[in-house]
Amino acid sequence: MRFHHYAIEVNNLEESIAFYKYLGFQTESRFFFMGEEIVFLASNDFRLELISNQQEKSIAKTVHFCFEVSDLLEVMNRFDDIRKIEGPYKLQNGWETVFFEGPDQEIIEFLQVRPVS
């Protein structure tokens, strides 16, 4: 398991992209998922996921962190007694993902980017 990305919900996607590009990030991918526009930015080995906020100027933001795993099914079986928030999902790019809730209601995503060997 390794760290994959940190995600934040933003009010103005284009403004946020410009800000993080100023800090040296480059656009890695951009897509829609479940009605939300999502942009992945990368700087070296660090990824930042920007999620377009559907509500205007919301103060409460959703954040999560993500671990890349080699076998998503194995992780789901291991965390069977932990509260699953949503998923699993298969994304258009082939990635598979699931979201769990940590002990302090933090959101933890597990992501499989390659098929199981």
N, C-alpha and C. Protein backbone atom coordinates (compact mmCIF):
# COMPACT_ATOMS: atom_id res chain seq x y z
N MET A 1 0.86 -1.17 0.00
CA MET A 1 0.00 0.00 0.00
C MET A 1 0.90 1.23 0.00
N ARG A 2 0.50 2.22 -0.77
CA ARG A 2 1.24 3.49 -0.78
C ARG A 2 0.25 4.63 -0.92
N PHE A 3 0.66 5.80 -0.46
CA PHE A 3 -0.19 6.98 -0.57
C PHE A 3 -0.40 7.31 -2.04
N HIS A 4 -1.64 7.63 -2.44
CA HIS A 4 -1.91 7.95 -3.84
C HIS A 4 -2.27 9.41 -4.04
N HIS A 5 -3.23 9.96 -3.25
CA HIS A 5 -3.60 11.37 -3.44
C HIS A 5 -4.36 11.91 -2.24
N TYR A 6 -4.44 13.22 -2.19
CA TYR A 6 -5.25 13.94 -1.22
C TYR A 6 -6.29 14.71 -2.02
N ALA A 7 -7.54 14.70 -1.56
CA ALA A 7 -8.62 15.33 -2.32
C ALA A 7 -9.29 16.43 -1.52
N ILE A 8 -9.66 17.50 -2.23
CA ILE A 8 -10.42 18.58 -1.61
C ILE A 8 -11.54 19.02 -2.53
N GLU A 9 -12.63 19.43 -1.94
CA GLU A 9 -13.76 19.99 -2.67
C GLU A 9 -13.53 21.49 -2.77
N VAL A 10 -13.67 22.04 -3.98
CA VAL A 10 -13.38 23.45 -4.21
C VAL A 10 -14.62 24.16 -4.76
N ASN A 11 -14.72 25.47 -4.48
CA ASN A 11 -15.85 26.27 -4.98
C ASN A 11 -15.69 26.65 -6.44
N ASN A 12 -14.48 26.99 -6.87
CA ASN A 12 -14.24 27.42 -8.24
C ASN A 12 -13.10 26.57 -8.79
N LEU A 13 -13.45 25.60 -9.61
CA LEU A 13 -12.48 24.64 -10.12
C LEU A 13 -11.36 25.32 -10.91
N GLU A 14 -11.71 26.22 -11.83
CA GLU A 14 -10.70 26.86 -12.67
C GLU A 14 -9.75 27.73 -11.85
N GLU A 15 -10.29 28.43 -10.87
CA GLU A 15 -9.47 29.26 -9.99
C GLU A 15 -8.51 28.39 -9.18
N SER A 16 -8.98 27.26 -8.70
CA SER A 16 -8.14 26.35 -7.93
C SER A 16 -7.05 25.72 -8.79
N ILE A 17 -7.41 25.33 -10.02
CA ILE A 17 -6.41 24.77 -10.93
C ILE A 17 -5.31 25.80 -11.18
N ALA A 18 -5.68 27.04 -11.46
CA ALA A 18 -4.70 28.10 -11.71
C ALA A 18 -3.80 28.30 -10.49
N PHE A 19 -4.39 28.29 -9.29
CA PHE A 19 -3.62 28.47 -8.07
C PHE A 19 -2.58 27.36 -7.91
N TYR A 20 -3.01 26.11 -8.05
CA TYR A 20 -2.08 24.99 -7.85
C TYR A 20 -1.07 24.87 -8.98
N LYS A 21 -1.43 25.31 -10.18
CA LYS A 21 -0.44 25.35 -11.26
C LYS A 21 0.65 26.36 -10.94
N TYR A 22 0.26 27.45 -10.30
CA TYR A 22 1.24 28.46 -9.85
C TYR A 22 2.23 27.84 -8.87
N LEU A 23 1.78 26.83 -8.11
CA LEU A 23 2.63 26.13 -7.15
C LEU A 23 3.41 24.98 -7.79
N GLY A 24 3.29 24.82 -9.11
CA GLY A 24 4.07 23.81 -9.81
C GLY A 24 3.34 22.54 -10.19
N PHE A 25 2.03 22.46 -9.92
CA PHE A 25 1.26 21.28 -10.30
C PHE A 25 0.90 21.34 -11.78
N GLN A 26 0.76 20.17 -12.40
CA GLN A 26 0.33 20.06 -13.79
C GLN A 26 -0.93 19.19 -13.84
N THR A 27 -1.82 19.47 -14.79
CA THR A 27 -3.02 18.67 -14.94
C THR A 27 -2.66 17.28 -15.43
N GLU A 28 -3.10 16.27 -14.67
CA GLU A 28 -2.85 14.88 -15.03
C GLU A 28 -4.06 14.27 -15.75
N SER A 29 -5.26 14.54 -15.23
CA SER A 29 -6.48 14.06 -15.88
C SER A 29 -7.67 14.90 -15.42
N ARG A 30 -8.72 14.83 -16.23
CA ARG A 30 -9.93 15.60 -15.94
C ARG A 30 -11.11 14.79 -16.45
N PHE A 31 -12.13 14.60 -15.59
CA PHE A 31 -13.28 13.79 -15.99
C PHE A 31 -14.47 14.09 -15.09
N PHE A 32 -15.62 13.55 -15.47
CA PHE A 32 -16.84 13.64 -14.67
C PHE A 32 -17.10 12.28 -14.07
N PHE A 33 -17.52 12.25 -12.79
CA PHE A 33 -17.88 11.00 -12.12
C PHE A 33 -19.05 11.28 -11.20
N MET A 34 -20.15 10.57 -11.41
CA MET A 34 -21.35 10.72 -10.61
C MET A 34 -21.79 12.18 -10.51
N GLY A 35 -21.72 12.90 -11.64
CA GLY A 35 -22.19 14.27 -11.71
C GLY A 35 -21.22 15.32 -11.21
N GLU A 36 -20.04 14.91 -10.77
CA GLU A 36 -19.05 15.87 -10.28
C GLU A 36 -17.88 15.95 -11.25
N GLU A 37 -17.39 17.17 -11.49
CA GLU A 37 -16.19 17.33 -12.30
C GLU A 37 -14.99 17.17 -11.39
N ILE A 38 -14.04 16.35 -11.83
CA ILE A 38 -12.86 16.02 -11.03
C ILE A 38 -11.62 16.29 -11.86
N VAL A 39 -10.62 16.91 -11.23
CA VAL A 39 -9.34 17.16 -11.89
C VAL A 39 -8.23 16.63 -10.99
N PHE A 40 -7.35 15.81 -11.55
CA PHE A 40 -6.16 15.37 -10.84
C PHE A 40 -4.99 16.24 -11.28
N LEU A 41 -4.30 16.81 -10.31
CA LEU A 41 -3.09 17.57 -10.56
C LEU A 41 -1.92 16.79 -9.95
N ALA A 42 -0.75 16.90 -10.57
CA ALA A 42 0.42 16.16 -10.06
C ALA A 42 1.63 17.08 -10.01
N SER A 43 2.45 16.83 -8.99
CA SER A 43 3.75 17.47 -8.85
C SER A 43 4.69 16.40 -8.35
N ASN A 44 5.58 15.96 -9.23
CA ASN A 44 6.45 14.82 -8.94
C ASN A 44 5.58 13.62 -8.59
N ASP A 45 5.75 13.02 -7.41
CA ASP A 45 4.97 11.84 -7.02
C ASP A 45 3.74 12.18 -6.20
N PHE A 46 3.41 13.46 -6.04
CA PHE A 46 2.26 13.85 -5.22
C PHE A 46 1.09 14.22 -6.12
N ARG A 47 -0.09 13.68 -5.81
CA ARG A 47 -1.30 14.01 -6.56
C ARG A 47 -2.28 14.74 -5.67
N LEU A 48 -2.97 15.70 -6.27
CA LEU A 48 -4.03 16.44 -5.61
C LEU A 48 -5.28 16.29 -6.47
N GLU A 49 -6.37 15.85 -5.85
CA GLU A 49 -7.64 15.70 -6.56
C GLU A 49 -8.53 16.87 -6.18
N LEU A 50 -8.95 17.65 -7.18
CA LEU A 50 -9.87 18.75 -6.96
C LEU A 50 -11.25 18.31 -7.41
N ILE A 51 -12.23 18.46 -6.53
CA ILE A 51 -13.61 18.06 -6.81
C ILE A 51 -14.46 19.32 -6.83
N SER A 52 -15.15 19.54 -7.95
CA SER A 52 -15.98 20.73 -8.09
C SER A 52 -17.16 20.67 -7.13
N ASN A 53 -17.30 21.70 -6.31
CA ASN A 53 -18.39 21.79 -5.35
C ASN A 53 -19.66 22.16 -6.09
N GLN A 54 -20.72 21.41 -5.86
CA GLN A 54 -22.00 21.67 -6.53
C GLN A 54 -22.79 22.79 -5.87
N GLN A 55 -22.43 23.14 -4.62
CA GLN A 55 -23.13 24.21 -3.91
C GLN A 55 -22.28 25.48 -3.96
N GLU A 56 -22.92 26.58 -4.12
CA GLU A 56 -22.20 27.84 -4.24
C GLU A 56 -21.59 28.28 -2.91
N LYS A 57 -20.30 28.51 -2.90
CA LYS A 57 -19.55 29.06 -1.76
C LYS A 57 -19.86 28.34 -0.44
N SER A 58 -19.82 27.05 -0.48
CA SER A 58 -20.05 26.24 0.71
C SER A 58 -18.85 26.37 1.65
N ILE A 59 -19.13 26.47 2.95
CA ILE A 59 -18.05 26.54 3.93
C ILE A 59 -17.57 25.13 4.27
N ALA A 60 -18.49 24.21 4.46
CA ALA A 60 -18.12 22.83 4.78
C ALA A 60 -17.56 22.17 3.53
N LYS A 61 -16.39 21.60 3.64
CA LYS A 61 -15.73 20.96 2.52
C LYS A 61 -15.55 19.48 2.81
N THR A 62 -15.61 18.69 1.77
CA THR A 62 -15.32 17.27 1.89
C THR A 62 -13.87 17.06 1.49
N VAL A 63 -13.15 16.32 2.32
CA VAL A 63 -11.77 15.95 2.02
C VAL A 63 -11.63 14.46 2.24
N HIS A 64 -10.67 13.86 1.57
CA HIS A 64 -10.32 12.47 1.84
C HIS A 64 -8.88 12.24 1.43
N PHE A 65 -8.32 11.15 1.94
CA PHE A 65 -7.01 10.75 1.47
C PHE A 65 -7.12 9.34 0.92
N CYS A 66 -6.20 9.00 0.02
CA CYS A 66 -6.32 7.77 -0.75
C CYS A 66 -5.02 6.97 -0.71
N PHE A 67 -5.18 5.67 -0.51
CA PHE A 67 -4.06 4.74 -0.60
C PHE A 67 -4.24 3.87 -1.83
N GLU A 68 -3.17 3.73 -2.61
CA GLU A 68 -3.17 2.82 -3.74
C GLU A 68 -2.85 1.43 -3.23
N VAL A 69 -3.66 0.45 -3.64
CA VAL A 69 -3.47 -0.93 -3.20
C VAL A 69 -3.35 -1.83 -4.41
N SER A 70 -2.76 -3.01 -4.22
CA SER A 70 -2.59 -3.94 -5.34
C SER A 70 -3.80 -4.85 -5.53
N ASP A 71 -4.61 -5.03 -4.47
CA ASP A 71 -5.78 -5.93 -4.57
C ASP A 71 -6.93 -5.34 -3.76
N LEU A 72 -7.85 -4.66 -4.44
CA LEU A 72 -8.96 -3.98 -3.77
C LEU A 72 -9.87 -4.97 -3.04
N LEU A 73 -10.13 -6.12 -3.63
CA LEU A 73 -10.99 -7.11 -3.00
C LEU A 73 -10.41 -7.59 -1.67
N GLU A 74 -9.10 -7.78 -1.63
CA GLU A 74 -8.44 -8.21 -0.39
C GLU A 74 -8.61 -7.14 0.69
N VAL A 75 -8.47 -5.88 0.32
CA VAL A 75 -8.65 -4.77 1.28
C VAL A 75 -10.09 -4.74 1.77
N MET A 76 -11.05 -4.89 0.86
CA MET A 76 -12.46 -4.86 1.26
C MET A 76 -12.76 -6.02 2.22
N ASN A 77 -12.19 -7.19 1.98
CA ASN A 77 -12.39 -8.32 2.89
C ASN A 77 -11.75 -8.06 4.24
N ARG A 78 -10.57 -7.46 4.26
CA ARG A 78 -9.87 -7.17 5.51
C ARG A 78 -10.63 -6.14 6.34
N PHE A 79 -11.28 -5.17 5.69
CA PHE A 79 -12.00 -4.11 6.38
C PHE A 79 -13.51 -4.37 6.42
N ASP A 80 -13.89 -5.63 6.35
CA ASP A 80 -15.30 -6.00 6.32
C ASP A 80 -16.08 -5.47 7.52
N ASP A 81 -15.43 -5.34 8.68
CA ASP A 81 -16.13 -4.87 9.89
C ASP A 81 -16.04 -3.36 10.07
N ILE A 82 -15.44 -2.65 9.12
CA ILE A 82 -15.33 -1.19 9.17
C ILE A 82 -16.43 -0.61 8.28
N ARG A 83 -16.96 0.54 8.64
CA ARG A 83 -18.08 1.14 7.89
C ARG A 83 -17.65 1.56 6.50
N LYS A 84 -18.22 0.89 5.49
CA LYS A 84 -17.99 1.27 4.10
C LYS A 84 -18.94 2.41 3.77
N ILE A 85 -18.42 3.49 3.21
CA ILE A 85 -19.24 4.65 2.86
C ILE A 85 -19.87 4.47 1.49
N GLU A 86 -19.04 4.11 0.49
CA GLU A 86 -19.58 3.90 -0.84
C GLU A 86 -18.61 3.11 -1.70
N GLY A 87 -19.16 2.54 -2.76
CA GLY A 87 -18.36 1.74 -3.67
C GLY A 87 -18.55 0.25 -3.37
N PRO A 88 -17.85 -0.58 -4.07
CA PRO A 88 -16.77 -0.25 -5.00
C PRO A 88 -17.31 0.27 -6.34
N TYR A 89 -16.46 1.07 -6.97
CA TYR A 89 -16.76 1.62 -8.29
C TYR A 89 -15.63 1.28 -9.24
N LYS A 90 -15.98 1.15 -10.51
CA LYS A 90 -14.97 1.03 -11.56
C LYS A 90 -15.05 2.30 -12.39
N LEU A 91 -13.94 3.03 -12.48
CA LEU A 91 -13.90 4.29 -13.22
C LEU A 91 -13.64 4.04 -14.70
N GLN A 92 -13.89 5.05 -15.51
CA GLN A 92 -13.72 4.92 -16.97
C GLN A 92 -12.29 4.56 -17.36
N ASN A 93 -11.32 4.98 -16.56
CA ASN A 93 -9.92 4.69 -16.89
C ASN A 93 -9.48 3.31 -16.40
N GLY A 94 -10.41 2.51 -15.83
CA GLY A 94 -10.09 1.17 -15.38
C GLY A 94 -9.76 1.06 -13.90
N TRP A 95 -9.56 2.18 -13.25
CA TRP A 95 -9.28 2.14 -11.81
C TRP A 95 -10.51 1.64 -11.07
N GLU A 96 -10.27 0.97 -9.93
CA GLU A 96 -11.35 0.52 -9.07
C GLU A 96 -11.14 1.14 -7.69
N THR A 97 -12.24 1.58 -7.06
CA THR A 97 -12.11 2.34 -5.82
C THR A 97 -13.25 2.02 -4.86
N VAL A 98 -12.96 2.21 -3.56
CA VAL A 98 -13.96 2.05 -2.51
C VAL A 98 -13.61 3.03 -1.39
N PHE A 99 -14.63 3.50 -0.66
CA PHE A 99 -14.44 4.48 0.41
C PHE A 99 -14.91 3.91 1.74
N PHE A 100 -14.07 4.07 2.77
CA PHE A 100 -14.40 3.64 4.13
C PHE A 100 -14.34 4.83 5.07
N GLU A 101 -14.95 4.68 6.24
CA GLU A 101 -14.90 5.72 7.26
C GLU A 101 -13.95 5.28 8.37
N GLY A 102 -13.02 6.18 8.74
CA GLY A 102 -12.09 5.90 9.83
C GLY A 102 -12.74 6.14 11.18
N PRO A 103 -12.00 5.92 12.26
CA PRO A 103 -12.57 6.02 13.60
C PRO A 103 -13.03 7.42 13.99
N ASP A 104 -12.53 8.46 13.32
CA ASP A 104 -12.95 9.83 13.61
C ASP A 104 -13.73 10.43 12.44
N GLN A 105 -14.44 9.59 11.72
CA GLN A 105 -15.25 9.96 10.56
C GLN A 105 -14.43 10.49 9.39
N GLU A 106 -13.11 10.27 9.40
CA GLU A 106 -12.32 10.65 8.23
C GLU A 106 -12.63 9.68 7.09
N ILE A 107 -12.55 10.18 5.88
CA ILE A 107 -12.86 9.37 4.70
C ILE A 107 -11.55 8.85 4.13
N ILE A 108 -11.49 7.52 3.97
CA ILE A 108 -10.29 6.86 3.45
C ILE A 108 -10.69 6.13 2.17
N GLU A 109 -10.01 6.47 1.09
CA GLU A 109 -10.25 5.80 -0.19
C GLU A 109 -9.15 4.79 -0.43
N PHE A 110 -9.52 3.64 -0.96
CA PHE A 110 -8.55 2.64 -1.41
C PHE A 110 -8.75 2.49 -2.91
N LEU A 111 -7.65 2.53 -3.66
CA LEU A 111 -7.68 2.60 -5.12
C LEU A 111 -6.77 1.54 -5.72
N GLN A 112 -7.32 0.76 -6.62
CA GLN A 112 -6.52 -0.21 -7.38
C GLN A 112 -6.40 0.32 -8.80
N VAL A 113 -5.17 0.61 -9.23
CA VAL A 113 -4.97 1.20 -10.56
C VAL A 113 -4.57 0.17 -11.60
N ARG A 114 -4.14 -1.02 -11.15
CA ARG A 114 -3.74 -2.09 -12.08
C ARG A 114 -4.54 -3.34 -11.76
N PRO A 115 -4.85 -4.15 -12.78
CA PRO A 115 -5.56 -5.40 -12.52
C PRO A 115 -4.72 -6.32 -11.62
N VAL A 116 -5.41 -7.15 -10.84
CA VAL A 116 -4.72 -8.11 -9.98
C VAL A 116 -4.01 -9.13 -10.87
N SER A 117 -2.74 -9.40 -10.55
CA SER A 117 -1.95 -10.35 -11.35
C SER A 117 -2.36 -11.77 -11.08
